[in-house]
Each structure stands twice: as C-alpha cells, then as structure tokens.
Amino acid sequence: MGLKDNIKNNEKIKRFVHWLLVPKNQARPRLWVRWFVNPFYRKKGKGATICRRTRMDVLPWNGFELGSNSTIEDFSTINNGVGPVKIGDRTRIGLGNTIIGPVIIENDVRLAQNIVLSGLNHNYEDVTQPIHAQGVSTATIVVEEETWIGANTVVVAGVTIGKHCIIAGGSVVTKDIPPYSVAVGNPARVVKTYNHGTGEWEKVAKKGLVTV
C-alpha cells in the first residue's frame, strides 16, 4: 500500500494533511502550497496564460491541466478540491468564471463572462443535520470542442455539452446538449440544430424541424 493510500485510510493523518494544505473551513490552499507545490504540480501547456488576478484553488490530490495557448482571465476561480479540472488547447476562460471540478473543457472552447461550471453538489438527504455537514457528491461536466457559452450561464454537475454548441447567455444547463445545437433558457432547451445534409441551421419545433 502506497503513501497516498495510507493517508486516505487513516482519518487522523488525512485530517492533519488536509490542515497542512488548507486552513480549516477554507477552500483556498495555504500560501506555501500555492508558491512551492502548485507551480510544479499543475500541467500548463506552451503559450498558456493564467492572469494575475485569477484565484487558483488548486490542490495536489486532484489534477489540473491548462492546454497550449489557452487563457484563464482575471477574477476567475478554478477549484479542483473535489475533482480534477482539465482545460484543452486554444480555449479561453472569460472574466469572472467559476470552475469547480470535476470538469473537462476541450479544445477551442470559448466561455464568456461570469459563467459557473460546478461538478459538485451538496448532499441534503438527512434533515437532522445541516447541509454543509452531509458531504458532497460529484459528477463530471464535459464541454466538448468548439463550443461557445454565453455570459452568466450556469452548467450543473453531470452535464455534457456537445461539440460546436452555442449556449445563450443567462441559460441554466441541467441536461445534456447534443452536438451542433443552440440552447437557450432556464432550464436550457435546444432551439436549433445543424443539419449536415442541408448545410443549414434548423429550428427545433414541437413536431420536427423547420428550416430558418
């Protein structure tokens, strides 16, 4: 059994190691982790940029990757405390985004401003305990390549947004969105899909597709 498994299986050691890395009741790692661990632990591709005012709540027990020529803009928060965060090549994470793993964002994706992608949910089954004391559950969010997500959108845990989709600003995405779709609203619904046969975007009607 390796060191990592020994730590996981011993509750006292696990709590102590967690305290060494993160102050009690906080999500942001201690300064020594940010200065001396994360710069060597996280994977950052050639030409990738993490702007100075980005908050990197990145810890060594889950992965973090930023692909080549990708950018995370100022005032964003990246948190891998409960699941890894992987961002592909030539992807831009806009101003003020919050990304809480587990999240996979593929190549050539554009996220506008103030978007939330959270692969985390708080458990709430036991009404005799406060919600924060009941632990969390996770489900991976996947944003496939070439997708554009508009400002102030929320994407909930477990959702996959397909390739080359457009998610309108202010949407709340609670279900998977198929590739080559335009989705809007709360909850988000598909209003257009791309027909590769005709080479046109087509409106989604209740009884089929109508060419626009």
C-alpha atoms as a PDB file:
ATOM      1  CA  MET A   1       0.000   0.000   0.000  1.00  0.00           C
ATOM      2  CA  GLY A   2       1.480   3.377  -1.037  1.00  0.00           C
ATOM      3  CA  LEU A   3       1.769   6.588   0.942  1.00  0.00           C
ATOM      4  CA  LYS A   4      -1.299   8.085  -0.711  1.00  0.00           C
ATOM      5  CA  ASP A   5      -3.437   5.082   0.235  1.00  0.00           C
ATOM      6  CA  ASN A   6      -2.107   5.131   3.808  1.00  0.00           C
ATOM      7  CA  ILE A   7      -3.131   8.770   4.168  1.00  0.00           C
ATOM      8  CA  LYS A   8      -6.583   8.120   2.720  1.00  0.00           C
ATOM      9  CA  ASN A   9      -7.202   5.143   5.011  1.00  0.00           C
ATOM     10  CA  ASN A  10      -6.118   6.869   8.225  1.00  0.00           C
ATOM     11  CA  GLU A  11      -8.620   9.518   9.246  1.00  0.00           C
ATOM     12  CA  LYS A  12      -6.293  11.301  11.693  1.00  0.00           C
ATOM     13  CA  ILE A  13      -3.442  11.525   9.192  1.00  0.00           C
ATOM     14  CA  LYS A  14      -5.895  12.561   6.491  1.00  0.00           C
ATOM     15  CA  ARG A  15      -7.215  15.442   8.615  1.00  0.00           C
ATOM     16  CA  PHE A  16      -3.679  16.524   9.506  1.00  0.00           C
ATOM     17  CA  VAL A  17      -2.501  16.543   5.884  1.00  0.00           C
ATOM     18  CA  HIS A  18      -5.625  18.454   4.867  1.00  0.00           C
ATOM     19  CA  TRP A  19      -4.901  21.032   7.590  1.00  0.00           C
ATOM     20  CA  LEU A  20      -1.325  21.387   6.326  1.00  0.00           C
ATOM     21  CA  LEU A  21      -2.599  22.150   2.835  1.00  0.00           C
ATOM     22  CA  VAL A  22      -5.779  24.152   3.514  1.00  0.00           C
ATOM     23  CA  PRO A  23      -6.817  26.273   6.548  1.00  0.00           C
ATOM     24  CA  LYS A  24      -9.826  24.967   8.432  1.00  0.00           C
ATOM     25  CA  ASN A  25     -13.175  25.829   6.820  1.00  0.00           C
ATOM     26  CA  GLN A  26     -11.462  27.350   3.787  1.00  0.00           C
ATOM     27  CA  ALA A  27     -11.148  26.373   0.117  1.00  0.00           C
ATOM     28  CA  ARG A  28      -8.024  28.359  -0.806  1.00  0.00           C
ATOM     29  CA  PRO A  29      -4.729  26.479  -0.307  1.00  0.00           C
ATOM     30  CA  ARG A  30      -2.109  27.816   2.066  1.00  0.00           C
ATOM     31  CA  LEU A  31       0.487  30.158   0.599  1.00  0.00           C
ATOM     32  CA  TRP A  32       3.258  27.550   0.696  1.00  0.00           C
ATOM     33  CA  VAL A  33       1.113  25.225  -1.447  1.00  0.00           C
ATOM     34  CA  ARG A  34       0.415  27.974  -3.978  1.00  0.00           C
ATOM     35  CA  TRP A  35       4.067  29.060  -4.099  1.00  0.00           C
ATOM     36  CA  PHE A  36       6.023  25.822  -3.832  1.00  0.00           C
ATOM     37  CA  VAL A  37       3.720  22.945  -4.836  1.00  0.00           C
ATOM     38  CA  ASN A  38       1.243  24.070  -7.474  1.00  0.00           C
ATOM     39  CA  PRO A  39       3.710  25.667  -9.919  1.00  0.00           C
ATOM     40  CA  PHE A  40       5.420  22.284 -10.262  1.00  0.00           C
ATOM     41  CA  TYR A  41       2.360  20.063  -9.902  1.00  0.00           C
ATOM     42  CA  ARG A  42      -0.089  21.601 -12.368  1.00  0.00           C
ATOM     43  CA  LYS A  43       0.302  20.982 -16.108  1.00  0.00           C
ATOM     44  CA  LYS A  44       0.482  24.141 -18.202  1.00  0.00           C
ATOM     45  CA  GLY A  45       0.939  23.956 -21.972  1.00  0.00           C
ATOM     46  CA  LYS A  46       3.143  26.131 -24.143  1.00  0.00           C
ATOM     47  CA  GLY A  47       1.773  29.642 -24.534  1.00  0.00           C
ATOM     48  CA  ALA A  48      -0.888  29.142 -21.841  1.00  0.00           C
ATOM     49  CA  THR A  49      -1.726  32.136 -19.626  1.00  0.00           C
ATOM     50  CA  ILE A  50      -3.238  32.349 -16.147  1.00  0.00           C
ATOM     51  CA  CYS A  51      -3.906  36.026 -15.486  1.00  0.00           C
ATOM     52  CA  ARG A  52      -2.588  37.536 -12.274  1.00  0.00           C
ATOM     53  CA  ARG A  53      -5.972  38.096 -10.610  1.00  0.00           C
ATOM     54  CA  THR A  54      -7.164  34.542 -11.177  1.00  0.00           C
ATOM     55  CA  ARG A  55      -7.900  32.661  -7.952  1.00  0.00           C
ATOM     56  CA  MET A  56      -6.325  29.208  -8.196  1.00  0.00           C
ATOM     57  CA  ASP A  57      -7.792  26.953  -5.500  1.00  0.00           C
ATOM     58  CA  VAL A  58      -5.707  24.076  -6.842  1.00  0.00           C
ATOM     59  CA  LEU A  59      -4.601  21.230  -4.574  1.00  0.00           C
ATOM     60  CA  PRO A  60      -2.218  18.353  -5.300  1.00  0.00           C
ATOM     61  CA  TRP A  61      -4.647  15.486  -4.710  1.00  0.00           C
ATOM     62  CA  ASN A  62      -6.610  16.203  -7.918  1.00  0.00           C
ATOM     63  CA  GLY A  63      -5.292  17.106 -11.342  1.00  0.00           C
ATOM     64  CA  PHE A  64      -5.223  20.481 -13.055  1.00  0.00           C
ATOM     65  CA  GLU A  65      -4.282  20.954 -16.718  1.00  0.00           C
ATOM     66  CA  LEU A  66      -4.311  24.011 -18.957  1.00  0.00           C
ATOM     67  CA  GLY A  67      -3.620  23.331 -22.628  1.00  0.00           C
ATOM     68  CA  SER A  68      -1.371  25.147 -25.066  1.00  0.00           C
ATOM     69  CA  ASN A  69      -2.298  28.725 -25.996  1.00  0.00           C
ATOM     70  CA  SER A  70      -5.235  28.742 -23.598  1.00  0.00           C
ATOM     71  CA  THR A  71      -6.084  31.614 -21.233  1.00  0.00           C
ATOM     72  CA  ILE A  72      -7.822  31.979 -17.884  1.00  0.00           C
ATOM     73  CA  GLU A  73      -8.866  35.614 -17.488  1.00  0.00           C
ATOM     74  CA  ASP A  74      -8.755  37.774 -14.343  1.00  0.00           C
ATOM     75  CA  PHE A  75     -11.231  37.338 -11.487  1.00  0.00           C
ATOM     76  CA  SER A  76     -11.939  33.704 -12.374  1.00  0.00           C
ATOM     77  CA  THR A  77     -11.773  30.910  -9.796  1.00  0.00           C
ATOM     78  CA  ILE A  78     -10.504  27.405 -10.515  1.00  0.00           C
ATOM     79  CA  ASN A  79     -11.163  24.808  -7.812  1.00  0.00           C
ATOM     80  CA  ASN A  80     -10.069  21.159  -8.036  1.00  0.00           C
ATOM     81  CA  GLY A  81     -10.675  20.311  -4.388  1.00  0.00           C
ATOM     82  CA  VAL A  82     -13.282  17.611  -5.112  1.00  0.00           C
ATOM     83  CA  GLY A  83     -12.409  16.769  -8.722  1.00  0.00           C
ATOM     84  CA  PRO A  84      -9.861  17.426 -11.452  1.00  0.00           C
ATOM     85  CA  VAL A  85     -10.083  20.352 -13.861  1.00  0.00           C
ATOM     86  CA  LYS A  86      -8.788  19.826 -17.397  1.00  0.00           C
ATOM     87  CA  ILE A  87      -8.829  22.631 -19.977  1.00  0.00           C
ATOM     88  CA  GLY A  88      -7.775  21.908 -23.552  1.00  0.00           C
ATOM     89  CA  ASP A  89      -5.790  23.819 -26.164  1.00  0.00           C
ATOM     90  CA  ARG A  90      -6.712  27.266 -27.567  1.00  0.00           C
ATOM     91  CA  THR A  91      -9.505  27.681 -25.043  1.00  0.00           C
ATOM     92  CA  ARG A  92     -10.389  30.959 -23.334  1.00  0.00           C
ATOM     93  CA  ILE A  93     -11.976  31.121 -19.871  1.00  0.00           C
ATOM     94  CA  GLY A  94     -13.526  34.591 -19.653  1.00  0.00           C
ATOM     95  CA  LEU A  95     -13.577  37.189 -16.890  1.00  0.00           C
ATOM     96  CA  GLY A  96     -15.118  36.118 -13.593  1.00  0.00           C
ATOM     97  CA  ASN A  97     -15.764  32.462 -14.407  1.00  0.00           C
ATOM     98  CA  THR A  98     -16.041  29.865 -11.633  1.00  0.00           C
ATOM     99  CA  ILE A  99     -14.989  26.314 -12.471  1.00  0.00           C
ATOM    100  CA  ILE A 100     -15.311  23.642  -9.774  1.00  0.00           C
ATOM    101  CA  GLY A 101     -14.185  20.150 -10.733  1.00  0.00           C
ATOM    102  CA  PRO A 102     -14.646  17.551 -11.913  1.00  0.00           C
ATOM    103  CA  VAL A 103     -14.755  19.481 -15.207  1.00  0.00           C
ATOM    104  CA  ILE A 104     -13.335  18.729 -18.660  1.00  0.00           C
ATOM    105  CA  ILE A 105     -13.259  21.579 -21.178  1.00  0.00           C
ATOM    106  CA  GLU A 106     -11.954  20.522 -24.579  1.00  0.00           C
ATOM    107  CA  ASN A 107     -10.087  22.400 -27.338  1.00  0.00           C
ATOM    108  CA  ASP A 108     -11.161  25.688 -28.964  1.00  0.00           C
ATOM    109  CA  VAL A 109     -13.884  26.439 -26.412  1.00  0.00           C
ATOM    110  CA  ARG A 110     -14.960  29.996 -25.543  1.00  0.00           C
ATOM    111  CA  LEU A 111     -16.508  30.864 -22.197  1.00  0.00           C
ATOM    112  CA  ALA A 112     -17.778  34.439 -21.869  1.00  0.00           C
ATOM    113  CA  GLN A 113     -18.098  36.278 -18.531  1.00  0.00           C
ATOM    114  CA  ASN A 114     -19.460  35.236 -15.114  1.00  0.00           C
ATOM    115  CA  ILE A 115     -20.124  31.606 -16.031  1.00  0.00           C
ATOM    116  CA  VAL A 116     -20.377  28.868 -13.386  1.00  0.00           C
ATOM    117  CA  LEU A 117     -19.463  25.243 -14.119  1.00  0.00           C
ATOM    118  CA  SER A 118     -19.718  23.171 -10.951  1.00  0.00           C
ATOM    119  CA  GLY A 119     -19.278  19.414 -10.869  1.00  0.00           C
ATOM    120  CA  LEU A 120     -20.116  19.472  -7.144  1.00  0.00           C
ATOM    121  CA  ASN A 121     -23.399  19.108  -5.289  1.00  0.00           C
ATOM    122  CA  HIS A 122     -24.036  19.197  -1.544  1.00  0.00           C
ATOM    123  CA  ASN A 123     -25.886  16.207  -0.095  1.00  0.00           C
ATOM    124  CA  TYR A 124     -29.108  17.022   1.768  1.00  0.00           C
ATOM    125  CA  GLU A 125     -30.897  13.719   2.500  1.00  0.00           C
ATOM    126  CA  ASP A 126     -30.560  13.849   6.317  1.00  0.00           C
ATOM    127  CA  VAL A 127     -32.837  16.599   7.639  1.00  0.00           C
ATOM    128  CA  THR A 128     -31.388  16.230  11.161  1.00  0.00           C
ATOM    129  CA  GLN A 129     -28.062  17.694  10.005  1.00  0.00           C
ATOM    130  CA  PRO A 130     -27.130  20.959   8.349  1.00  0.00           C
ATOM    131  CA  ILE A 131     -26.451  20.534   4.649  1.00  0.00           C
ATOM    132  CA  HIS A 132     -22.788  21.522   4.966  1.00  0.00           C
ATOM    133  CA  ALA A 133     -22.210  18.580   7.356  1.00  0.00           C
ATOM    134  CA  GLN A 134     -23.546  15.920   4.972  1.00  0.00           C
ATOM    135  CA  GLY A 135     -20.690  15.800   2.496  1.00  0.00           C
ATOM    136  CA  VAL A 136     -20.785  16.256  -1.250  1.00  0.00           C
ATOM    137  CA  SER A 137     -21.373  14.299  -4.436  1.00  0.00           C
ATOM    138  CA  THR A 138     -19.686  14.911  -7.773  1.00  0.00           C
ATOM    139  CA  ALA A 139     -20.432  14.288 -11.445  1.00  0.00           C
ATOM    140  CA  THR A 140     -18.170  15.371 -14.293  1.00  0.00           C
ATOM    141  CA  ILE A 141     -19.128  18.262 -16.556  1.00  0.00           C
ATOM    142  CA  VAL A 142     -17.842  17.941 -20.125  1.00  0.00           C
ATOM    143  CA  VAL A 143     -17.757  20.818 -22.611  1.00  0.00           C
ATOM    144  CA  GLU A 144     -16.761  19.440 -25.984  1.00  0.00           C
ATOM    145  CA  GLU A 145     -14.612  21.214 -28.538  1.00  0.00           C
ATOM    146  CA  GLU A 146     -15.536  24.396 -30.413  1.00  0.00           C
ATOM    147  CA  THR A 147     -18.408  25.285 -28.078  1.00  0.00           C
ATOM    148  CA  TRP A 148     -19.261  28.846 -27.076  1.00  0.00           C
ATOM    149  CA  ILE A 149     -21.050  29.558 -23.781  1.00  0.00           C
ATOM    150  CA  GLY A 150     -22.606  32.991 -23.260  1.00  0.00           C
ATOM    151  CA  ALA A 151     -22.279  35.227 -20.213  1.00  0.00           C
ATOM    152  CA  ASN A 152     -23.979  34.452 -16.878  1.00  0.00           C
ATOM    153  CA  THR A 153     -24.670  30.820 -17.779  1.00  0.00           C
ATOM    154  CA  VAL A 154     -24.772  28.047 -15.158  1.00  0.00           C
ATOM    155  CA  VAL A 155     -23.902  24.439 -16.027  1.00  0.00           C
ATOM    156  CA  VAL A 156     -24.781  21.872 -13.357  1.00  0.00           C
ATOM    157  CA  ALA A 157     -22.964  18.682 -12.370  1.00  0.00           C
ATOM    158  CA  GLY A 158     -23.022  15.738 -14.753  1.00  0.00           C
ATOM    159  CA  VAL A 159     -23.942  17.667 -17.915  1.00  0.00           C
ATOM    160  CA  THR A 160     -22.224  17.136 -21.270  1.00  0.00           C
ATOM    161  CA  ILE A 161     -22.400  19.920 -23.845  1.00  0.00           C
ATOM    162  CA  GLY A 162     -21.636  18.533 -27.283  1.00  0.00           C
ATOM    163  CA  LYS A 163     -19.247  19.712 -29.967  1.00  0.00           C
ATOM    164  CA  HIS A 164     -19.766  23.105 -31.658  1.00  0.00           C
ATOM    165  CA  CYS A 165     -22.714  24.161 -29.499  1.00  0.00           C
ATOM    166  CA  ILE A 166     -23.877  27.662 -28.617  1.00  0.00           C
ATOM    167  CA  ILE A 167     -25.357  28.231 -25.168  1.00  0.00           C
ATOM    168  CA  ALA A 168     -27.145  31.576 -24.959  1.00  0.00           C
ATOM    169  CA  GLY A 169     -26.254  33.987 -22.176  1.00  0.00           C
ATOM    170  CA  GLY A 170     -28.152  33.552 -18.925  1.00  0.00           C
ATOM    171  CA  SER A 171     -29.021  29.901 -19.569  1.00  0.00           C
ATOM    172  CA  VAL A 172     -29.121  27.216 -16.885  1.00  0.00           C
ATOM    173  CA  VAL A 173     -27.985  23.931 -18.410  1.00  0.00           C
ATOM    174  CA  THR A 174     -29.441  20.985 -16.480  1.00  0.00           C
ATOM    175  CA  LYS A 175     -29.391  18.291 -19.181  1.00  0.00           C
ATOM    176  CA  ASP A 176     -27.021  17.131 -21.913  1.00  0.00           C
ATOM    177  CA  ILE A 177     -26.956  19.242 -25.081  1.00  0.00           C
ATOM    178  CA  PRO A 178     -26.330  17.286 -28.318  1.00  0.00           C
ATOM    179  CA  PRO A 179     -23.538  18.369 -30.684  1.00  0.00           C
ATOM    180  CA  TYR A 180     -24.167  21.211 -33.162  1.00  0.00           C
ATOM    181  CA  SER A 181     -27.043  22.703 -31.182  1.00  0.00           C
ATOM    182  CA  VAL A 182     -28.152  26.133 -29.975  1.00  0.00           C
ATOM    183  CA  ALA A 183     -29.683  26.077 -26.492  1.00  0.00           C
ATOM    184  CA  VAL A 184     -31.352  28.879 -24.521  1.00  0.00           C
ATOM    185  CA  GLY A 185     -33.288  29.464 -21.324  1.00  0.00           C
ATOM    186  CA  ASN A 186     -33.795  28.192 -17.784  1.00  0.00           C
ATOM    187  CA  PRO A 187     -33.771  25.263 -17.962  1.00  0.00           C
ATOM    188  CA  ALA A 188     -31.895  25.377 -21.260  1.00  0.00           C
ATOM    189  CA  ARG A 189     -33.625  23.798 -24.245  1.00  0.00           C
ATOM    190  CA  VAL A 190     -32.396  23.208 -27.770  1.00  0.00           C
ATOM    191  CA  VAL A 191     -33.923  25.678 -30.252  1.00  0.00           C
ATOM    192  CA  LYS A 192     -31.729  24.989 -33.308  1.00  0.00           C
ATOM    193  CA  THR A 193     -29.621  22.143 -34.646  1.00  0.00           C
ATOM    194  CA  TYR A 194     -27.277  21.995 -37.602  1.00  0.00           C
ATOM    195  CA  ASN A 195     -28.303  19.701 -40.435  1.00  0.00           C
ATOM    196  CA  HIS A 196     -25.133  18.419 -42.093  1.00  0.00           C
ATOM    197  CA  GLY A 197     -27.159  17.127 -45.025  1.00  0.00           C
ATOM    198  CA  THR A 198     -28.614  20.529 -45.974  1.00  0.00           C
ATOM    199  CA  GLY A 199     -25.786  22.626 -44.557  1.00  0.00           C
ATOM    200  CA  GLU A 200     -28.262  24.772 -42.619  1.00  0.00           C
ATOM    201  CA  TRP A 201     -29.231  25.532 -39.054  1.00  0.00           C
ATOM    202  CA  GLU A 202     -32.805  24.415 -38.426  1.00  0.00           C
ATOM    203  CA  LYS A 203     -35.270  25.478 -35.776  1.00  0.00           C
ATOM    204  CA  VAL A 204     -36.470  22.786 -33.411  1.00  0.00           C
ATOM    205  CA  ALA A 205     -40.267  22.744 -33.366  1.00  0.00           C
ATOM    206  CA  LYS A 206     -42.561  20.585 -31.282  1.00  0.00           C
ATOM    207  CA  LYS A 207     -43.292  18.387 -34.279  1.00  0.00           C
ATOM    208  CA  GLY A 208     -39.946  18.324 -36.033  1.00  0.00           C
ATOM    209  CA  LEU A 209     -37.535  20.735 -37.684  1.00  0.00           C
ATOM    210  CA  VAL A 210     -38.316  23.907 -39.580  1.00  0.00           C
ATOM    211  CA  THR A 211     -35.620  25.435 -41.810  1.00  0.00           C
ATOM    212  CA  VAL A 212     -34.652  29.036 -40.937  1.00  0.00           C
END
